[in-house]
Amino acid sequence: MIIQHEEFKIIPQDYGWDLVQIVKSRKLGDGTLQKPTGEEYEKEVELAYNVSLEYIIGKIIHLQLKKQNSTVNLSNFIEEYKREKAKISSVLS
């Protein structure tokens, strides 16, 4: 069974879990590495191997908060962290 949460896949292993992120990429085409011109496609990026589910939840929260790309104080960060964790926990329960 593979668990999907937004752009992440959580894959069970014998003694833990793997975490994969699905990202959009573009084929090089006639362009350069900086400005590819080819078609867009989705690829899987492996982020963690054989880790605990708690670690994966923390990693997903970290990556979601990193996307915001803003500067906040510690109390605001903790509030955002709790909000993301509650969102993931609601999916799990």
N, C-alpha and C. Protein backbone atom coordinates (compact mmCIF):
# COMPACT_ATOMS: atom_id res chain seq x y z
N MET A 1 0.85 -1.17 0.00
CA MET A 1 0.00 0.00 0.00
C MET A 1 0.90 1.24 0.00
N ILE A 2 0.63 2.14 -0.91
CA ILE A 2 1.36 3.41 -0.98
C ILE A 2 0.41 4.51 -0.52
N ILE A 3 0.89 5.34 0.37
CA ILE A 3 0.09 6.44 0.92
C ILE A 3 0.46 7.71 0.15
N GLN A 4 -0.54 8.42 -0.36
CA GLN A 4 -0.31 9.66 -1.10
C GLN A 4 -0.82 10.82 -0.26
N HIS A 5 0.02 11.85 -0.08
CA HIS A 5 -0.38 13.09 0.60
C HIS A 5 0.16 14.25 -0.21
N GLU A 6 -0.75 14.99 -0.83
CA GLU A 6 -0.39 16.08 -1.72
C GLU A 6 0.63 15.58 -2.74
N GLU A 7 1.84 16.17 -2.79
CA GLU A 7 2.81 15.72 -3.79
C GLU A 7 3.79 14.68 -3.24
N PHE A 8 3.46 14.08 -2.11
CA PHE A 8 4.35 13.10 -1.47
C PHE A 8 3.75 11.70 -1.53
N LYS A 9 4.63 10.71 -1.65
CA LYS A 9 4.24 9.31 -1.55
C LYS A 9 5.01 8.70 -0.38
N ILE A 10 4.30 7.97 0.47
CA ILE A 10 4.91 7.27 1.60
C ILE A 10 4.80 5.78 1.29
N ILE A 11 5.95 5.13 1.16
CA ILE A 11 5.99 3.75 0.70
C ILE A 11 6.49 2.86 1.84
N PRO A 12 5.70 1.86 2.26
CA PRO A 12 6.13 0.98 3.35
C PRO A 12 7.26 0.05 2.91
N GLN A 13 8.19 -0.20 3.83
CA GLN A 13 9.28 -1.16 3.64
C GLN A 13 9.20 -2.17 4.78
N ASP A 14 10.09 -3.13 4.80
CA ASP A 14 10.06 -4.16 5.85
C ASP A 14 10.19 -3.57 7.25
N TYR A 15 11.07 -2.58 7.43
CA TYR A 15 11.33 -2.05 8.77
C TYR A 15 11.18 -0.54 8.86
N GLY A 16 10.46 0.06 7.97
CA GLY A 16 10.30 1.51 7.99
C GLY A 16 9.52 1.98 6.77
N TRP A 17 9.76 3.22 6.39
CA TRP A 17 9.03 3.86 5.30
C TRP A 17 9.99 4.62 4.41
N ASP A 18 9.65 4.74 3.13
CA ASP A 18 10.38 5.59 2.20
C ASP A 18 9.50 6.79 1.88
N LEU A 19 10.15 7.93 1.62
CA LEU A 19 9.42 9.14 1.26
C LEU A 19 9.86 9.59 -0.13
N VAL A 20 8.88 9.80 -1.01
CA VAL A 20 9.14 10.23 -2.38
C VAL A 20 8.31 11.48 -2.63
N GLN A 21 8.92 12.47 -3.29
CA GLN A 21 8.19 13.67 -3.67
C GLN A 21 8.03 13.69 -5.19
N ILE A 22 6.84 14.02 -5.63
CA ILE A 22 6.57 14.12 -7.06
C ILE A 22 6.73 15.59 -7.45
N VAL A 23 7.68 15.86 -8.35
CA VAL A 23 7.96 17.23 -8.76
C VAL A 23 7.79 17.36 -10.27
N LYS A 24 7.47 18.57 -10.70
CA LYS A 24 7.37 18.83 -12.14
C LYS A 24 8.74 19.20 -12.66
N SER A 25 9.05 18.69 -13.82
CA SER A 25 10.33 18.96 -14.46
C SER A 25 10.08 19.21 -15.94
N ARG A 26 11.07 19.69 -16.62
CA ARG A 26 10.92 19.97 -18.04
C ARG A 26 12.09 19.34 -18.77
N LYS A 27 11.80 18.66 -19.86
CA LYS A 27 12.86 18.08 -20.68
C LYS A 27 13.66 19.20 -21.32
N LEU A 28 14.92 18.93 -21.58
CA LEU A 28 15.83 19.94 -22.11
C LEU A 28 15.37 20.46 -23.47
N GLY A 29 14.97 19.59 -24.36
CA GLY A 29 14.53 20.02 -25.68
C GLY A 29 15.66 20.72 -26.42
N ASP A 30 15.35 21.84 -27.09
CA ASP A 30 16.35 22.61 -27.82
C ASP A 30 16.98 23.69 -26.95
N GLY A 31 16.54 23.80 -25.70
CA GLY A 31 17.02 24.87 -24.83
C GLY A 31 18.28 24.50 -24.06
N THR A 32 18.52 25.24 -23.00
CA THR A 32 19.68 25.02 -22.14
C THR A 32 19.20 24.50 -20.79
N LEU A 33 20.15 24.18 -19.91
CA LEU A 33 19.77 23.73 -18.57
C LEU A 33 18.99 24.82 -17.83
N GLN A 34 19.38 26.07 -18.02
CA GLN A 34 18.70 27.18 -17.35
C GLN A 34 17.33 27.48 -17.96
N LYS A 35 17.19 27.27 -19.26
CA LYS A 35 15.92 27.56 -19.95
C LYS A 35 15.55 26.39 -20.86
N PRO A 36 15.07 25.29 -20.27
CA PRO A 36 14.68 24.15 -21.10
C PRO A 36 13.43 24.47 -21.91
N THR A 37 13.31 23.86 -23.07
CA THR A 37 12.17 24.13 -23.95
C THR A 37 11.31 22.90 -24.20
N GLY A 38 11.70 21.76 -23.64
CA GLY A 38 10.98 20.52 -23.89
C GLY A 38 9.69 20.43 -23.09
N GLU A 39 9.02 19.30 -23.25
CA GLU A 39 7.74 19.10 -22.58
C GLU A 39 7.91 18.92 -21.07
N GLU A 40 6.87 19.29 -20.33
CA GLU A 40 6.88 19.16 -18.88
C GLU A 40 6.41 17.76 -18.50
N TYR A 41 7.01 17.21 -17.45
CA TYR A 41 6.61 15.89 -16.97
C TYR A 41 6.81 15.83 -15.46
N GLU A 42 6.24 14.81 -14.83
CA GLU A 42 6.40 14.61 -13.39
C GLU A 42 7.45 13.54 -13.15
N LYS A 43 8.31 13.79 -12.17
CA LYS A 43 9.30 12.78 -11.80
C LYS A 43 9.28 12.62 -10.29
N GLU A 44 9.74 11.46 -9.85
CA GLU A 44 9.77 11.15 -8.42
C GLU A 44 11.17 11.38 -7.88
N VAL A 45 11.26 12.14 -6.79
CA VAL A 45 12.52 12.41 -6.12
C VAL A 45 12.49 11.70 -4.78
N GLU A 46 13.43 10.80 -4.56
CA GLU A 46 13.47 10.04 -3.31
C GLU A 46 14.11 10.90 -2.23
N LEU A 47 13.39 11.09 -1.11
CA LEU A 47 13.85 11.97 -0.04
C LEU A 47 14.34 11.24 1.19
N ALA A 48 13.79 10.07 1.49
CA ALA A 48 14.18 9.33 2.70
C ALA A 48 13.97 7.84 2.47
N TYR A 49 14.85 7.06 3.07
CA TYR A 49 14.79 5.60 2.93
C TYR A 49 14.66 4.94 4.30
N ASN A 50 13.73 4.03 4.43
CA ASN A 50 13.61 3.17 5.60
C ASN A 50 13.68 3.94 6.93
N VAL A 51 12.83 4.95 7.05
CA VAL A 51 12.78 5.78 8.27
C VAL A 51 11.43 5.60 8.94
N SER A 52 11.30 6.16 10.14
CA SER A 52 10.05 6.03 10.89
C SER A 52 8.97 6.95 10.29
N LEU A 53 7.73 6.61 10.55
CA LEU A 53 6.62 7.43 10.07
C LEU A 53 6.66 8.82 10.71
N GLU A 54 7.08 8.91 11.96
CA GLU A 54 7.19 10.20 12.63
C GLU A 54 8.20 11.10 11.92
N TYR A 55 9.32 10.50 11.49
CA TYR A 55 10.34 11.26 10.76
C TYR A 55 9.76 11.78 9.45
N ILE A 56 9.01 10.94 8.75
CA ILE A 56 8.42 11.34 7.47
C ILE A 56 7.44 12.48 7.66
N ILE A 57 6.63 12.41 8.69
CA ILE A 57 5.68 13.50 8.96
C ILE A 57 6.43 14.80 9.21
N GLY A 58 7.49 14.74 10.01
CA GLY A 58 8.31 15.92 10.27
C GLY A 58 8.96 16.46 9.00
N LYS A 59 9.41 15.57 8.14
CA LYS A 59 10.05 15.97 6.88
C LYS A 59 9.04 16.65 5.95
N ILE A 60 7.84 16.10 5.86
CA ILE A 60 6.80 16.72 5.03
C ILE A 60 6.46 18.11 5.56
N ILE A 61 6.32 18.24 6.87
CA ILE A 61 6.03 19.54 7.47
C ILE A 61 7.15 20.52 7.14
N HIS A 62 8.38 20.08 7.31
CA HIS A 62 9.54 20.93 7.03
C HIS A 62 9.51 21.42 5.58
N LEU A 63 9.27 20.52 4.64
CA LEU A 63 9.27 20.89 3.22
C LEU A 63 8.09 21.81 2.87
N GLN A 64 6.93 21.58 3.50
CA GLN A 64 5.78 22.45 3.26
C GLN A 64 6.06 23.87 3.78
N LEU A 65 6.67 23.98 4.95
CA LEU A 65 6.97 25.30 5.51
C LEU A 65 8.08 25.99 4.72
N LYS A 66 9.02 25.21 4.21
CA LYS A 66 10.12 25.76 3.42
C LYS A 66 9.61 26.41 2.14
N LYS A 67 8.51 25.90 1.59
CA LYS A 67 7.92 26.45 0.36
C LYS A 67 7.47 27.89 0.55
N GLN A 68 7.12 28.27 1.78
CA GLN A 68 6.61 29.62 2.04
C GLN A 68 7.68 30.67 1.83
N ASN A 69 8.95 30.30 2.02
CA ASN A 69 10.09 31.17 1.71
C ASN A 69 9.93 32.56 2.32
N SER A 70 9.65 32.61 3.61
CA SER A 70 9.51 33.90 4.28
C SER A 70 10.30 33.88 5.59
N THR A 71 10.48 35.04 6.17
CA THR A 71 11.17 35.16 7.45
C THR A 71 10.12 35.40 8.53
N VAL A 72 10.13 34.55 9.55
CA VAL A 72 9.17 34.67 10.65
C VAL A 72 9.91 34.50 11.97
N ASN A 73 9.27 34.92 13.06
CA ASN A 73 9.88 34.68 14.36
C ASN A 73 9.55 33.26 14.82
N LEU A 74 10.18 32.83 15.88
CA LEU A 74 10.04 31.46 16.34
C LEU A 74 8.60 31.10 16.70
N SER A 75 7.89 31.99 17.37
CA SER A 75 6.52 31.67 17.77
C SER A 75 5.61 31.49 16.54
N ASN A 76 5.80 32.30 15.50
CA ASN A 76 5.01 32.12 14.27
C ASN A 76 5.36 30.82 13.58
N PHE A 77 6.64 30.47 13.60
CA PHE A 77 7.06 29.20 13.00
C PHE A 77 6.41 28.03 13.72
N ILE A 78 6.41 28.07 15.04
CA ILE A 78 5.82 26.99 15.82
C ILE A 78 4.32 26.87 15.55
N GLU A 79 3.63 28.01 15.41
CA GLU A 79 2.21 27.99 15.07
C GLU A 79 1.98 27.36 13.70
N GLU A 80 2.78 27.75 12.72
CA GLU A 80 2.66 27.17 11.38
C GLU A 80 2.97 25.67 11.41
N TYR A 81 3.98 25.29 12.18
CA TYR A 81 4.35 23.88 12.31
C TYR A 81 3.18 23.08 12.88
N LYS A 82 2.57 23.61 13.94
CA LYS A 82 1.43 22.93 14.56
C LYS A 82 0.26 22.82 13.59
N ARG A 83 0.04 23.86 12.79
CA ARG A 83 -1.05 23.86 11.82
C ARG A 83 -0.82 22.78 10.76
N GLU A 84 0.40 22.69 10.23
CA GLU A 84 0.72 21.66 9.23
C GLU A 84 0.60 20.26 9.84
N LYS A 85 1.08 20.11 11.08
CA LYS A 85 1.01 18.80 11.73
C LYS A 85 -0.45 18.39 11.96
N ALA A 86 -1.29 19.33 12.34
CA ALA A 86 -2.71 19.03 12.54
C ALA A 86 -3.36 18.64 11.22
N LYS A 87 -2.95 19.30 10.13
CA LYS A 87 -3.51 18.98 8.81
C LYS A 87 -3.15 17.55 8.42
N ILE A 88 -1.90 17.16 8.66
CA ILE A 88 -1.48 15.79 8.33
C ILE A 88 -2.12 14.79 9.28
N SER A 89 -2.20 15.12 10.56
CA SER A 89 -2.82 14.23 11.54
C SER A 89 -4.28 13.98 11.25
N SER A 90 -4.98 15.00 10.75
CA SER A 90 -6.40 14.83 10.43
C SER A 90 -6.57 13.84 9.27
N VAL A 91 -5.60 13.80 8.37
CA VAL A 91 -5.66 12.85 7.26
C VAL A 91 -5.41 11.43 7.79
N LEU A 92 -4.50 11.30 8.76
CA LEU A 92 -4.15 9.98 9.29
C LEU A 92 -5.22 9.40 10.19
N SER A 93 -6.06 10.25 10.81
CA SER A 93 -7.05 9.71 11.74
C SER A 93 -8.43 9.64 11.15
